[in-house]
Amino acid sequence: LEMKDRFFADTIAWITEDALTNSPNKALYDIWVEQGWLKVCPGEVFDASLAVNELMQLTQHGINLIMFGYDPAQSKDPINNIKAWLQSLGQNAETIKSMLVPVAQNFMTMNQVLSRLEYMTLATEPWMRYSPSPLWPWMAGNASVTTSRDDTLRKIVKTSEHTKVDCLHALLDALFCFDLSEGRIEN
């Protein structure tokens, strides 16, 4: 990262073996698997321990994990695995609870962080830099901004059933957690 106090977004993406086999995007996904941008989980259901293994590797490389934002509607198993891992590291229940942050994927929550991401990405001197993963531009192309009934709030949605925007949602969750983490981040 060239500029101090700026942001860098990277992604680790997974797909189940079953989803890969049956996806209309299989040819594209196969290329990304071969290039190392997309990882395959054996079977039909995502093994939540794989996420914990990724987190352990990040901490071993010196990444200081402060908070984990998650969609409360879809994250029970991964969050339970993260809780168990944090407990095994000696974290107490109160600390673990403060580190795991449910981030509702609704207009009220997403509106402000979406505006921030737009500014950080589109500023004359961008505050957000992205890894070279081809998933970023692909998912951005799959995303659409929808507005609330009164047109005052916005959030990202996927453009069709077979597209993915998960990395963008994870980035928005991270920005939400960043706001909550004020005073908890060390250099």
Protein backbone atom coordinates (compact mmCIF):
# COMPACT_ATOMS: atom_id res chain seq x y z
CA LEU A 1 0.00 0.00 0.00
CA GLU A 2 1.50 3.29 -1.06
CA MET A 3 -0.46 5.77 1.03
CA LYS A 4 -0.54 5.69 4.81
CA ASP A 5 -3.98 5.63 6.41
CA ARG A 6 -5.66 4.29 3.26
CA PHE A 7 -7.54 1.01 2.68
CA PHE A 8 -6.76 -2.19 0.79
CA ALA A 9 -9.42 -4.77 -0.06
CA ASP A 10 -8.55 -8.38 -0.75
CA THR A 11 -10.81 -11.39 -0.99
CA ILE A 12 -10.74 -15.10 -0.33
CA ALA A 13 -13.61 -16.78 -2.16
CA TRP A 14 -14.98 -20.31 -1.88
CA ILE A 15 -17.46 -22.43 -3.80
CA THR A 16 -18.73 -25.90 -2.98
CA GLU A 17 -17.83 -28.69 -5.36
CA ASP A 18 -21.53 -29.30 -6.03
CA ALA A 19 -22.22 -25.62 -6.78
CA LEU A 20 -19.21 -25.50 -9.11
CA THR A 21 -20.37 -28.58 -11.01
CA ASN A 22 -23.90 -27.23 -11.47
CA SER A 23 -23.15 -23.53 -12.02
CA PRO A 24 -23.95 -21.83 -15.32
CA ASN A 25 -20.67 -19.95 -14.65
CA LYS A 26 -18.63 -23.18 -14.41
CA ALA A 27 -16.22 -22.34 -17.27
CA LEU A 28 -15.32 -19.00 -15.67
CA TYR A 29 -15.12 -20.49 -12.17
CA ASP A 30 -12.83 -23.29 -13.43
CA ILE A 31 -10.37 -20.67 -14.69
CA TRP A 32 -10.42 -18.86 -11.33
CA VAL A 33 -9.93 -22.14 -9.46
CA GLU A 34 -6.94 -22.95 -11.68
CA GLN A 35 -5.50 -19.45 -11.11
CA GLY A 36 -6.03 -19.69 -7.33
CA TRP A 37 -8.65 -16.93 -7.05
CA LEU A 38 -11.45 -19.31 -6.11
CA LYS A 39 -11.16 -22.24 -3.71
CA VAL A 40 -13.31 -25.36 -3.82
CA CYS A 41 -14.88 -26.98 -0.77
CA PRO A 42 -15.58 -30.69 -1.30
CA GLY A 43 -19.21 -31.78 -1.28
CA GLU A 44 -22.55 -30.00 -1.27
CA VAL A 45 -22.30 -27.89 1.89
CA PHE A 46 -19.63 -25.35 2.81
CA ASP A 47 -17.37 -26.61 5.61
CA ALA A 48 -17.24 -23.69 8.04
CA SER A 49 -13.90 -24.87 9.44
CA LEU A 50 -12.29 -23.77 6.17
CA ALA A 51 -13.07 -20.13 7.04
CA VAL A 52 -11.43 -20.55 10.44
CA ASN A 53 -8.37 -22.11 8.80
CA GLU A 54 -8.11 -19.04 6.53
CA LEU A 55 -8.39 -16.72 9.54
CA MET A 56 -5.65 -18.66 11.37
CA GLN A 57 -3.36 -18.27 8.35
CA LEU A 58 -4.02 -14.54 8.22
CA THR A 59 -3.12 -14.11 11.89
CA GLN A 60 0.04 -16.17 11.36
CA HIS A 61 1.00 -13.65 8.66
CA GLY A 62 0.62 -10.76 11.09
CA ILE A 63 -2.89 -9.61 10.21
CA ASN A 64 -4.57 -8.20 13.32
CA LEU A 65 -8.23 -9.25 13.22
CA ILE A 66 -10.35 -6.80 15.22
CA MET A 67 -13.93 -7.68 14.24
CA PHE A 68 -15.88 -10.08 12.11
CA GLY A 69 -18.95 -8.72 10.35
CA TYR A 70 -21.49 -11.26 9.20
CA ASP A 71 -24.97 -11.57 7.73
CA PRO A 72 -27.03 -12.82 10.69
CA ALA A 73 -29.48 -14.55 8.34
CA GLN A 74 -26.90 -16.89 6.79
CA SER A 75 -23.86 -17.36 9.01
CA LYS A 76 -24.67 -19.65 11.95
CA ASP A 77 -22.07 -22.37 11.31
CA PRO A 78 -19.16 -20.10 10.31
CA ILE A 79 -19.79 -17.82 13.30
CA ASN A 80 -19.98 -20.77 15.71
CA ASN A 81 -16.64 -22.00 14.34
CA ILE A 82 -15.09 -18.55 14.74
CA LYS A 83 -16.41 -18.36 18.32
CA ALA A 84 -14.84 -21.73 19.13
CA TRP A 85 -11.53 -20.66 17.56
CA LEU A 86 -11.46 -17.37 19.49
CA GLN A 87 -12.25 -19.23 22.70
CA SER A 88 -9.39 -21.64 22.01
CA LEU A 89 -7.11 -18.57 21.79
CA GLY A 90 -8.14 -17.60 25.31
CA GLN A 91 -10.62 -14.86 24.46
CA ASN A 92 -13.40 -14.46 27.03
CA ALA A 93 -17.10 -14.49 26.14
CA GLU A 94 -17.48 -10.71 26.38
CA THR A 95 -14.56 -10.07 24.03
CA ILE A 96 -15.81 -12.67 21.57
CA LYS A 97 -19.27 -11.09 21.57
CA SER A 98 -17.76 -7.66 20.84
CA MET A 99 -15.68 -9.09 17.98
CA LEU A 100 -18.58 -10.79 16.17
CA VAL A 101 -20.86 -8.17 14.68
CA PRO A 102 -24.12 -8.99 12.92
CA VAL A 103 -24.53 -6.64 9.96
CA ALA A 104 -28.06 -6.57 8.58
CA GLN A 105 -28.16 -6.41 4.81
CA ASN A 106 -30.95 -3.83 4.85
CA PHE A 107 -31.30 -0.26 3.59
CA MET A 108 -30.70 1.40 6.98
CA THR A 109 -27.42 -0.42 7.54
CA MET A 110 -26.06 -0.45 4.00
CA ASN A 111 -26.92 3.08 2.87
CA GLN A 112 -24.15 4.88 4.74
CA VAL A 113 -21.41 2.32 4.08
CA LEU A 114 -22.32 2.15 0.39
CA SER A 115 -21.90 5.93 0.14
CA ARG A 116 -18.55 5.65 1.89
CA LEU A 117 -17.35 2.88 -0.43
CA GLU A 118 -18.33 4.94 -3.47
CA TYR A 119 -16.36 7.91 -2.17
CA MET A 120 -13.34 5.79 -1.20
CA THR A 121 -13.25 4.13 -4.62
CA LEU A 122 -14.15 7.04 -6.89
CA ALA A 123 -12.27 9.92 -5.23
CA THR A 124 -9.67 11.71 -7.36
CA GLU A 125 -7.07 10.04 -5.17
CA PRO A 126 -8.90 6.81 -4.21
CA TRP A 127 -8.82 5.73 -0.60
CA MET A 128 -9.61 2.14 -1.53
CA ARG A 129 -7.22 -0.07 -3.43
CA TYR A 130 -8.25 -3.55 -4.53
CA SER A 131 -6.25 -6.74 -4.93
CA PRO A 132 -5.81 -7.94 -8.53
CA SER A 133 -8.46 -10.64 -8.01
CA PRO A 134 -10.76 -10.85 -11.05
CA LEU A 135 -13.66 -11.38 -8.63
CA TRP A 136 -13.76 -7.63 -7.81
CA PRO A 137 -14.66 -6.35 -11.29
CA TRP A 138 -16.85 -9.38 -11.98
CA MET A 139 -18.87 -8.90 -8.80
CA ALA A 140 -19.08 -5.14 -9.33
CA GLY A 141 -20.55 -5.90 -12.75
CA ASN A 142 -23.07 -8.23 -11.10
CA ALA A 143 -24.16 -5.56 -8.62
CA SER A 144 -26.95 -3.09 -8.90
CA VAL A 145 -27.92 -0.36 -6.48
CA THR A 146 -31.54 -0.44 -5.44
CA THR A 147 -33.39 2.22 -3.49
CA SER A 148 -35.99 2.14 -0.76
CA ARG A 149 -39.63 2.88 -1.57
CA ASP A 150 -39.15 6.55 -0.74
CA ASP A 151 -35.85 6.70 -2.71
CA THR A 152 -33.87 7.93 0.31
CA LEU A 153 -31.83 4.80 1.10
CA ARG A 154 -29.70 2.51 -1.07
CA LYS A 155 -28.14 -0.93 -0.95
CA ILE A 156 -26.38 -3.36 -3.29
CA VAL A 157 -28.24 -6.32 -4.77
CA LYS A 158 -27.24 -8.89 -7.36
CA THR A 159 -28.55 -8.38 -10.89
CA SER A 160 -29.78 -11.95 -11.40
CA GLU A 161 -30.14 -15.32 -9.72
CA HIS A 162 -26.86 -16.80 -11.02
CA THR A 163 -24.62 -13.83 -10.25
CA LYS A 164 -22.63 -13.24 -7.09
CA VAL A 165 -21.83 -10.10 -5.10
CA ASP A 166 -20.60 -11.72 -1.87
CA CYS A 167 -17.18 -10.02 -1.87
CA LEU A 168 -18.85 -6.61 -2.14
CA HIS A 169 -21.18 -7.42 0.75
CA ALA A 170 -18.20 -8.59 2.81
CA LEU A 171 -16.39 -5.34 2.05
CA LEU A 172 -19.43 -3.29 3.11
CA ASP A 173 -19.61 -5.36 6.32
CA ALA A 174 -15.92 -4.61 6.93
CA LEU A 175 -16.50 -0.87 6.50
CA PHE A 176 -19.43 -1.07 8.92
CA CYS A 177 -17.19 -2.83 11.46
CA PHE A 178 -14.41 -0.31 10.87
CA ASP A 179 -16.73 2.46 12.03
CA LEU A 180 -17.55 0.45 15.16
CA SER A 181 -13.89 -0.27 15.87
CA GLU A 182 -12.81 3.32 16.47
CA GLY A 183 -10.17 3.34 19.19
CA ARG A 184 -9.59 -0.42 18.95
CA ILE A 185 -7.21 -0.43 15.98
CA GLU A 186 -3.49 -0.24 16.52
CA ASN A 187 -0.87 0.46 13.84
